[in-house]
């Protein structure tokens, strides 16, 4: 596998257009792709998986969810 096919936390942040701190929160979400492996520097993901997640999920909704009308 070529290095350009992988993404560490810095690459996740760049792909998502956020800070590394925000990227860390994204990677902790249940719907974020599972890491391919864990290196001494941290987890690594397939870049294509991260790009697909970002395209399908971002931008995240902000604020409170709407009140239910019950």
N, C-alpha and C. Protein backbone atom coordinates (compact mmCIF):
# COMPACT_ATOMS: atom_id res chain seq x y z
N UNK A 1 0.85 -1.17 0.00
CA UNK A 1 0.00 0.00 0.00
C UNK A 1 0.90 1.24 0.00
N UNK A 2 0.60 2.17 -0.87
CA UNK A 2 1.40 3.39 -0.99
C UNK A 2 1.07 4.36 0.14
N UNK A 3 2.07 5.10 0.64
CA UNK A 3 1.83 6.05 1.73
C UNK A 3 0.75 7.08 1.42
N UNK A 4 0.61 7.48 0.17
CA UNK A 4 -0.40 8.49 -0.18
C UNK A 4 -1.82 7.95 -0.08
N UNK A 5 -1.96 6.63 0.09
CA UNK A 5 -3.28 6.02 0.26
C UNK A 5 -3.72 6.01 1.72
N UNK A 6 -2.81 6.42 2.62
CA UNK A 6 -3.09 6.39 4.05
C UNK A 6 -3.29 7.80 4.59
N UNK A 7 -3.97 7.89 5.73
CA UNK A 7 -4.19 9.18 6.37
C UNK A 7 -4.04 9.04 7.87
N UNK A 8 -3.15 9.86 8.44
CA UNK A 8 -3.04 9.97 9.88
C UNK A 8 -3.95 11.11 10.33
N UNK A 9 -3.84 11.49 11.57
CA UNK A 9 -4.71 12.53 12.11
C UNK A 9 -4.54 13.86 11.39
N UNK A 10 -3.30 14.23 11.05
CA UNK A 10 -3.06 15.49 10.33
C UNK A 10 -3.73 15.47 8.96
N UNK A 11 -3.68 14.33 8.28
CA UNK A 11 -4.33 14.21 6.97
C UNK A 11 -5.84 14.22 7.10
N UNK A 12 -6.36 13.59 8.15
CA UNK A 12 -7.81 13.62 8.40
C UNK A 12 -8.25 15.07 8.58
N UNK A 13 -7.49 15.83 9.36
CA UNK A 13 -7.81 17.24 9.57
C UNK A 13 -7.80 18.02 8.26
N UNK A 14 -6.81 17.76 7.41
CA UNK A 14 -6.72 18.46 6.13
C UNK A 14 -7.87 18.07 5.20
N UNK A 15 -8.19 16.79 5.14
CA UNK A 15 -9.29 16.32 4.29
C UNK A 15 -10.61 16.94 4.72
N UNK A 16 -10.81 17.03 6.04
CA UNK A 16 -12.08 17.55 6.58
C UNK A 16 -12.09 19.07 6.69
N UNK A 17 -10.93 19.70 6.53
CA UNK A 17 -10.85 21.16 6.62
C UNK A 17 -11.05 21.67 8.04
N UNK A 18 -10.53 20.92 9.02
CA UNK A 18 -10.68 21.30 10.42
C UNK A 18 -9.33 21.21 11.12
N UNK A 19 -9.31 21.62 12.40
CA UNK A 19 -8.10 21.50 13.20
C UNK A 19 -7.87 20.04 13.58
N UNK A 20 -6.67 19.75 14.04
CA UNK A 20 -6.38 18.39 14.49
C UNK A 20 -7.25 18.02 15.69
N UNK A 21 -7.56 19.00 16.53
CA UNK A 21 -8.42 18.73 17.70
C UNK A 21 -9.82 18.32 17.24
N UNK A 22 -10.37 19.03 16.26
CA UNK A 22 -11.69 18.67 15.73
C UNK A 22 -11.62 17.32 15.03
N UNK A 23 -10.53 17.07 14.30
CA UNK A 23 -10.36 15.78 13.62
C UNK A 23 -10.34 14.64 14.63
N UNK A 24 -9.74 14.88 15.79
CA UNK A 24 -9.71 13.87 16.84
C UNK A 24 -11.13 13.55 17.30
N UNK A 25 -11.97 14.56 17.41
CA UNK A 25 -13.37 14.35 17.80
C UNK A 25 -14.11 13.58 16.71
N UNK A 26 -13.84 13.91 15.45
CA UNK A 26 -14.48 13.20 14.34
C UNK A 26 -14.13 11.72 14.37
N UNK A 27 -12.84 11.43 14.60
CA UNK A 27 -12.39 10.03 14.56
C UNK A 27 -12.95 9.22 15.72
N UNK A 28 -13.43 9.88 16.77
CA UNK A 28 -14.03 9.18 17.91
C UNK A 28 -15.51 8.87 17.68
N UNK A 29 -16.10 9.44 16.62
CA UNK A 29 -17.52 9.20 16.34
C UNK A 29 -17.74 7.75 15.91
N UNK A 30 -18.90 7.23 16.27
CA UNK A 30 -19.24 5.84 15.93
C UNK A 30 -19.34 5.63 14.42
N UNK A 31 -19.70 6.70 13.68
CA UNK A 31 -19.87 6.54 12.23
C UNK A 31 -18.58 6.79 11.44
N UNK A 32 -17.49 7.14 12.12
CA UNK A 32 -16.22 7.36 11.42
C UNK A 32 -15.60 6.00 11.09
N UNK A 33 -14.96 5.89 9.93
CA UNK A 33 -14.35 4.59 9.57
C UNK A 33 -13.35 4.10 10.61
N UNK A 34 -13.29 2.81 10.77
CA UNK A 34 -12.32 2.21 11.69
C UNK A 34 -10.91 2.38 11.13
N UNK A 35 -9.93 2.60 12.01
CA UNK A 35 -8.56 2.72 11.52
C UNK A 35 -8.08 1.40 10.90
N UNK A 36 -7.24 1.56 9.91
CA UNK A 36 -6.64 0.40 9.24
C UNK A 36 -5.65 -0.28 10.18
N UNK A 37 -4.90 0.54 10.91
CA UNK A 37 -3.88 0.04 11.82
C UNK A 37 -3.51 1.14 12.79
N UNK A 38 -2.72 0.81 13.79
CA UNK A 38 -2.23 1.79 14.74
C UNK A 38 -0.71 1.72 14.73
N UNK A 39 -0.09 2.87 14.48
CA UNK A 39 1.36 2.98 14.48
C UNK A 39 1.80 3.68 15.76
N UNK A 40 3.10 3.82 15.96
CA UNK A 40 3.60 4.52 17.14
C UNK A 40 3.10 5.96 17.17
N UNK A 41 2.89 6.55 15.99
CA UNK A 41 2.42 7.93 15.92
C UNK A 41 0.91 8.05 16.03
N UNK A 42 0.21 6.92 16.06
CA UNK A 42 -1.24 6.94 16.20
C UNK A 42 -1.93 6.13 15.12
N UNK A 43 -3.26 6.19 15.08
CA UNK A 43 -4.01 5.39 14.11
C UNK A 43 -3.85 5.94 12.69
N UNK A 44 -4.03 5.04 11.72
CA UNK A 44 -4.02 5.43 10.31
C UNK A 44 -5.26 4.85 9.65
N UNK A 45 -5.81 5.61 8.74
CA UNK A 45 -7.01 5.22 8.01
C UNK A 45 -6.70 5.18 6.52
N UNK A 46 -7.55 4.50 5.78
CA UNK A 46 -7.47 4.58 4.32
C UNK A 46 -7.99 5.95 3.92
N UNK A 47 -7.21 6.67 3.14
CA UNK A 47 -7.59 8.02 2.72
C UNK A 47 -8.95 8.01 2.01
N UNK A 48 -9.20 7.01 1.18
CA UNK A 48 -10.46 6.93 0.44
C UNK A 48 -11.65 6.80 1.40
N UNK A 49 -11.48 6.05 2.50
CA UNK A 49 -12.55 5.91 3.49
C UNK A 49 -12.84 7.23 4.17
N UNK A 50 -11.78 7.96 4.53
CA UNK A 50 -11.95 9.26 5.18
C UNK A 50 -12.61 10.25 4.23
N UNK A 51 -12.17 10.26 2.97
CA UNK A 51 -12.76 11.17 1.98
C UNK A 51 -14.24 10.85 1.76
N UNK A 52 -14.59 9.57 1.69
CA UNK A 52 -15.99 9.18 1.51
C UNK A 52 -16.82 9.58 2.71
N UNK A 53 -16.29 9.39 3.93
CA UNK A 53 -17.01 9.80 5.13
C UNK A 53 -17.23 11.31 5.13
N UNK A 54 -16.19 12.06 4.82
CA UNK A 54 -16.29 13.52 4.82
C UNK A 54 -17.33 13.99 3.80
N UNK A 55 -17.33 13.39 2.62
CA UNK A 55 -18.27 13.78 1.58
C UNK A 55 -19.71 13.49 2.00
N UNK A 56 -19.92 12.38 2.68
CA UNK A 56 -21.27 11.98 3.08
C UNK A 56 -21.75 12.66 4.36
N UNK A 57 -20.83 13.10 5.21
CA UNK A 57 -21.19 13.54 6.55
C UNK A 57 -21.03 15.04 6.79
N UNK A 58 -20.05 15.64 6.16
CA UNK A 58 -19.76 17.06 6.43
C UNK A 58 -20.55 17.97 5.52
N UNK A 59 -20.91 19.16 5.94
CA UNK A 59 -20.65 19.70 7.27
C UNK A 59 -21.60 19.10 8.30
N UNK A 60 -21.11 18.99 9.53
CA UNK A 60 -21.93 18.48 10.62
C UNK A 60 -22.96 19.52 11.00
N UNK A 61 -24.12 19.07 11.42
CA UNK A 61 -25.14 20.00 11.90
C UNK A 61 -24.68 20.55 13.23
N UNK A 62 -24.93 21.83 13.44
CA UNK A 62 -24.56 22.46 14.70
C UNK A 62 -25.81 22.86 15.47
N UNK A 63 -25.62 23.12 16.71
CA UNK A 63 -26.74 23.55 17.54
C UNK A 63 -27.57 22.39 18.05
N UNK A 64 -28.65 22.74 18.67
CA UNK A 64 -29.54 21.72 19.25
C UNK A 64 -30.42 21.11 18.16
N UNK A 65 -30.78 19.85 18.37
CA UNK A 65 -31.74 19.26 17.43
C UNK A 65 -33.10 19.93 17.60
N UNK A 66 -33.92 19.96 16.57
CA UNK A 66 -35.24 20.59 16.70
C UNK A 66 -36.10 19.84 17.71
N UNK A 67 -36.97 20.60 18.38
CA UNK A 67 -37.89 19.99 19.34
C UNK A 67 -38.92 19.16 18.59
N UNK A 68 -39.26 18.03 19.18
CA UNK A 68 -40.28 17.20 18.56
C UNK A 68 -41.64 17.84 18.79
N UNK A 69 -42.52 17.69 17.85
CA UNK A 69 -43.84 18.31 17.94
C UNK A 69 -44.86 17.31 18.51
N UNK A 70 -44.69 17.02 19.82
CA UNK A 70 -45.63 16.08 20.44
C UNK A 70 -46.42 16.73 21.53
